Amino acid sequence: MSDLVLLIRAAGVLLWVIAAANLFVPAKLDYAQNLARLSPIVRQVFVIHSLFVVLVVIGSGGLCLFLAPRLIAADPLSIAVSTFLSLFWSLRFVLQVRYFDKDFARRHLLAHISYSLACAFLAVIFMAATWQGLA
């Protein structure tokens, strides 16, 4: 088994950890109070989008854990999936370090640094998978 396959499986575990961590986000960000101020449709859209993002993260983790060798294969679907995941996590890294509330990040520095490193790791691993598929 290649080192990249092992790293992709590690990425799968990390993705499931990220998904599980989302169980604590509503309390940490006080969703109940903040969402109560929104109109029902905006609140519903937010909740559904949040749920579907977590489902995508869980599904991506499953792909990594159970189909890691396929993510580095030299076929168009494998390359497309790896490229998408690379772009997704690269953009998520940029947003984490450049867009989100700096004061909140300072107050939760360990979580901010940990999540930033997780996004960077995922971006790099999926870039490597894309390049492996193109090689």
C-alpha atoms as a PDB file:
ATOM      1  CA  MET A   1       0.000   0.000   0.000  1.00  0.00           C
ATOM      2  CA  SER A   2       1.408   3.399  -0.951  1.00  0.00           C
ATOM      3  CA  ASP A   3       2.096   6.203   1.494  1.00  0.00           C
ATOM      4  CA  LEU A   4      -0.415   8.381  -0.369  1.00  0.00           C
ATOM      5  CA  VAL A   5      -3.174   5.811   0.131  1.00  0.00           C
ATOM      6  CA  LEU A   6      -2.410   5.838   3.863  1.00  0.00           C
ATOM      7  CA  LEU A   7      -2.480   9.642   3.909  1.00  0.00           C
ATOM      8  CA  ILE A   8      -5.805   9.666   2.074  1.00  0.00           C
ATOM      9  CA  ARG A   9      -7.204   7.249   4.664  1.00  0.00           C
ATOM     10  CA  ALA A  10      -5.876   9.567   7.390  1.00  0.00           C
ATOM     11  CA  ALA A  11      -7.692  12.378   5.592  1.00  0.00           C
ATOM     12  CA  GLY A  12     -10.860  10.279   5.789  1.00  0.00           C
ATOM     13  CA  VAL A  13     -10.491   9.943   9.547  1.00  0.00           C
ATOM     14  CA  LEU A  14      -9.825  13.682   9.807  1.00  0.00           C
ATOM     15  CA  LEU A  15     -12.944  14.430   7.764  1.00  0.00           C
ATOM     16  CA  TRP A  16     -15.038  12.317  10.133  1.00  0.00           C
ATOM     17  CA  VAL A  17     -13.473  14.145  13.098  1.00  0.00           C
ATOM     18  CA  ILE A  18     -14.420  17.461  11.461  1.00  0.00           C
ATOM     19  CA  ALA A  19     -17.967  16.192  10.906  1.00  0.00           C
ATOM     20  CA  ALA A  20     -18.202  15.068  14.545  1.00  0.00           C
ATOM     21  CA  ALA A  21     -16.852  18.420  15.745  1.00  0.00           C
ATOM     22  CA  ASN A  22     -19.811  20.048  14.043  1.00  0.00           C
ATOM     23  CA  LEU A  23     -21.974  18.630  16.830  1.00  0.00           C
ATOM     24  CA  PHE A  24     -20.434  21.279  19.115  1.00  0.00           C
ATOM     25  CA  VAL A  25     -20.601  24.235  16.704  1.00  0.00           C
ATOM     26  CA  PRO A  26     -24.243  25.208  17.364  1.00  0.00           C
ATOM     27  CA  ALA A  27     -23.600  25.684  21.087  1.00  0.00           C
ATOM     28  CA  LYS A  28     -20.218  27.375  20.589  1.00  0.00           C
ATOM     29  CA  LEU A  29     -21.701  29.867  18.112  1.00  0.00           C
ATOM     30  CA  ASP A  30     -25.028  30.158  19.961  1.00  0.00           C
ATOM     31  CA  TYR A  31     -27.088  29.168  16.943  1.00  0.00           C
ATOM     32  CA  ALA A  32     -30.356  29.190  18.909  1.00  0.00           C
ATOM     33  CA  GLN A  33     -30.146  32.870  19.801  1.00  0.00           C
ATOM     34  CA  ASN A  34     -28.611  33.976  16.504  1.00  0.00           C
ATOM     35  CA  LEU A  35     -30.986  32.007  14.288  1.00  0.00           C
ATOM     36  CA  ALA A  36     -34.033  33.166  16.262  1.00  0.00           C
ATOM     37  CA  ARG A  37     -33.514  36.654  14.807  1.00  0.00           C
ATOM     38  CA  LEU A  38     -33.772  35.405  11.230  1.00  0.00           C
ATOM     39  CA  SER A  39     -36.877  34.947   9.153  1.00  0.00           C
ATOM     40  CA  PRO A  40     -38.124  31.337   9.121  1.00  0.00           C
ATOM     41  CA  ILE A  41     -37.038  30.713   5.521  1.00  0.00           C
ATOM     42  CA  VAL A  42     -33.515  32.069   6.065  1.00  0.00           C
ATOM     43  CA  ARG A  43     -33.229  29.998   9.258  1.00  0.00           C
ATOM     44  CA  GLN A  44     -34.451  26.889   7.417  1.00  0.00           C
ATOM     45  CA  VAL A  45     -32.060  27.425   4.499  1.00  0.00           C
ATOM     46  CA  PHE A  46     -29.161  27.902   6.927  1.00  0.00           C
ATOM     47  CA  VAL A  47     -29.994  24.725   8.851  1.00  0.00           C
ATOM     48  CA  ILE A  48     -30.433  22.634   5.679  1.00  0.00           C
ATOM     49  CA  HIS A  49     -27.218  23.989   4.117  1.00  0.00           C
ATOM     50  CA  SER A  50     -25.314  23.249   7.324  1.00  0.00           C
ATOM     51  CA  LEU A  51     -26.697  19.719   7.409  1.00  0.00           C
ATOM     52  CA  PHE A  52     -25.792  19.082   3.777  1.00  0.00           C
ATOM     53  CA  VAL A  53     -22.260  20.428   4.209  1.00  0.00           C
ATOM     54  CA  VAL A  54     -21.758  17.984   7.093  1.00  0.00           C
ATOM     55  CA  LEU A  55     -23.174  15.164   4.952  1.00  0.00           C
ATOM     56  CA  VAL A  56     -20.698  16.031   2.176  1.00  0.00           C
ATOM     57  CA  VAL A  57     -17.858  15.961   4.706  1.00  0.00           C
ATOM     58  CA  ILE A  58     -19.033  12.575   6.029  1.00  0.00           C
ATOM     59  CA  GLY A  59     -19.363  11.214   2.477  1.00  0.00           C
ATOM     60  CA  SER A  60     -15.939  12.530   1.514  1.00  0.00           C
ATOM     61  CA  GLY A  61     -14.482  10.852   4.578  1.00  0.00           C
ATOM     62  CA  GLY A  62     -16.091   7.582   3.541  1.00  0.00           C
ATOM     63  CA  LEU A  63     -14.647   7.871   0.039  1.00  0.00           C
ATOM     64  CA  CYS A  64     -11.202   8.406   1.546  1.00  0.00           C
ATOM     65  CA  LEU A  65     -11.455   5.527   3.985  1.00  0.00           C
ATOM     66  CA  PHE A  66     -12.977   2.929   1.706  1.00  0.00           C
ATOM     67  CA  LEU A  67     -11.878   3.971  -1.796  1.00  0.00           C
ATOM     68  CA  ALA A  68      -8.494   5.618  -1.203  1.00  0.00           C
ATOM     69  CA  PRO A  69      -6.690   3.709  -3.999  1.00  0.00           C
ATOM     70  CA  ARG A  70      -9.347   4.878  -6.466  1.00  0.00           C
ATOM     71  CA  LEU A  71      -8.739   8.534  -5.584  1.00  0.00           C
ATOM     72  CA  ILE A  72      -5.200   8.285  -6.993  1.00  0.00           C
ATOM     73  CA  ALA A  73      -6.163   6.278 -10.083  1.00  0.00           C
ATOM     74  CA  ALA A  74      -5.456   7.643 -13.539  1.00  0.00           C
ATOM     75  CA  ASP A  75      -9.077   7.874 -14.639  1.00  0.00           C
ATOM     76  CA  PRO A  76     -11.167  11.000 -15.248  1.00  0.00           C
ATOM     77  CA  LEU A  77     -13.628  10.458 -12.381  1.00  0.00           C
ATOM     78  CA  SER A  78     -10.867   9.877  -9.820  1.00  0.00           C
ATOM     79  CA  ILE A  79      -8.995  12.959 -11.000  1.00  0.00           C
ATOM     80  CA  ALA A  80     -12.196  15.033 -10.964  1.00  0.00           C
ATOM     81  CA  VAL A  81     -13.106  13.989  -7.419  1.00  0.00           C
ATOM     82  CA  SER A  82      -9.583  14.579  -6.097  1.00  0.00           C
ATOM     83  CA  THR A  83      -9.393  17.935  -7.878  1.00  0.00           C
ATOM     84  CA  PHE A  84     -12.768  19.012  -6.481  1.00  0.00           C
ATOM     85  CA  LEU A  85     -11.754  18.032  -2.948  1.00  0.00           C
ATOM     86  CA  SER A  86      -8.425  19.823  -3.354  1.00  0.00           C
ATOM     87  CA  LEU A  87     -10.132  23.027  -4.488  1.00  0.00           C
ATOM     88  CA  PHE A  88     -12.833  22.714  -1.809  1.00  0.00           C
ATOM     89  CA  TRP A  89     -10.330  22.411   1.057  1.00  0.00           C
ATOM     90  CA  SER A  90      -7.934  24.978  -0.418  1.00  0.00           C
ATOM     91  CA  LEU A  91     -10.734  27.532  -0.536  1.00  0.00           C
ATOM     92  CA  ARG A  92     -11.868  26.516   2.958  1.00  0.00           C
ATOM     93  CA  PHE A  93      -8.314  27.121   4.220  1.00  0.00           C
ATOM     94  CA  VAL A  94      -8.197  30.581   2.630  1.00  0.00           C
ATOM     95  CA  LEU A  95     -11.576  31.479   4.113  1.00  0.00           C
ATOM     96  CA  GLN A  96     -10.507  30.194   7.530  1.00  0.00           C
ATOM     97  CA  VAL A  97      -7.398  32.367   7.688  1.00  0.00           C
ATOM     98  CA  ARG A  98      -8.570  35.435   5.734  1.00  0.00           C
ATOM     99  CA  TYR A  99     -12.338  35.817   6.079  1.00  0.00           C
ATOM    100  CA  PHE A 100     -13.555  34.628   9.473  1.00  0.00           C
ATOM    101  CA  ASP A 101     -13.800  36.929  12.482  1.00  0.00           C
ATOM    102  CA  LYS A 102     -10.234  37.598  13.679  1.00  0.00           C
ATOM    103  CA  ASP A 103     -11.342  38.385  17.238  1.00  0.00           C
ATOM    104  CA  PHE A 104     -13.190  35.050  17.488  1.00  0.00           C
ATOM    105  CA  ALA A 105     -10.106  33.279  16.082  1.00  0.00           C
ATOM    106  CA  ARG A 106      -7.889  34.914  18.732  1.00  0.00           C
ATOM    107  CA  ARG A 107     -10.274  33.888  21.525  1.00  0.00           C
ATOM    108  CA  HIS A 108     -10.270  30.304  20.221  1.00  0.00           C
ATOM    109  CA  LEU A 109      -6.700  30.204  18.959  1.00  0.00           C
ATOM    110  CA  LEU A 110      -6.059  26.479  19.412  1.00  0.00           C
ATOM    111  CA  ALA A 111      -9.252  25.554  17.555  1.00  0.00           C
ATOM    112  CA  HIS A 112      -8.515  28.118  14.821  1.00  0.00           C
ATOM    113  CA  ILE A 113      -4.955  26.856  14.291  1.00  0.00           C
ATOM    114  CA  SER A 114      -6.039  23.204  14.439  1.00  0.00           C
ATOM    115  CA  TYR A 115      -8.805  23.680  11.904  1.00  0.00           C
ATOM    116  CA  SER A 116      -6.569  25.779   9.632  1.00  0.00           C
ATOM    117  CA  LEU A 117      -3.926  23.035   9.683  1.00  0.00           C
ATOM    118  CA  ALA A 118      -6.592  20.392   9.026  1.00  0.00           C
ATOM    119  CA  CYS A 119      -7.841  22.312   5.968  1.00  0.00           C
ATOM    120  CA  ALA A 120      -4.282  22.772   4.694  1.00  0.00           C
ATOM    121  CA  PHE A 121      -3.516  19.066   5.200  1.00  0.00           C
ATOM    122  CA  LEU A 122      -6.663  18.049   3.321  1.00  0.00           C
ATOM    123  CA  ALA A 123      -5.918  20.464   0.474  1.00  0.00           C
ATOM    124  CA  VAL A 124      -2.361  19.152   0.080  1.00  0.00           C
ATOM    125  CA  ILE A 125      -3.362  15.474   0.266  1.00  0.00           C
ATOM    126  CA  PHE A 126      -6.056  15.908  -2.387  1.00  0.00           C
ATOM    127  CA  MET A 127      -3.654  17.920  -4.582  1.00  0.00           C
ATOM    128  CA  ALA A 128      -1.208  15.023  -4.317  1.00  0.00           C
ATOM    129  CA  ALA A 129      -3.986  12.595  -5.244  1.00  0.00           C
ATOM    130  CA  THR A 130      -4.827  14.709  -8.289  1.00  0.00           C
ATOM    131  CA  TRP A 131      -1.186  14.818  -9.402  1.00  0.00           C
ATOM    132  CA  GLN A 132      -0.832  11.072  -8.849  1.00  0.00           C
ATOM    133  CA  GLY A 133      -3.852  10.475 -11.062  1.00  0.00           C
ATOM    134  CA  LEU A 134      -2.420  12.736 -13.758  1.00  0.00           C
ATOM    135  CA  ALA A 135       1.029  11.106 -13.645  1.00  0.00           C
END
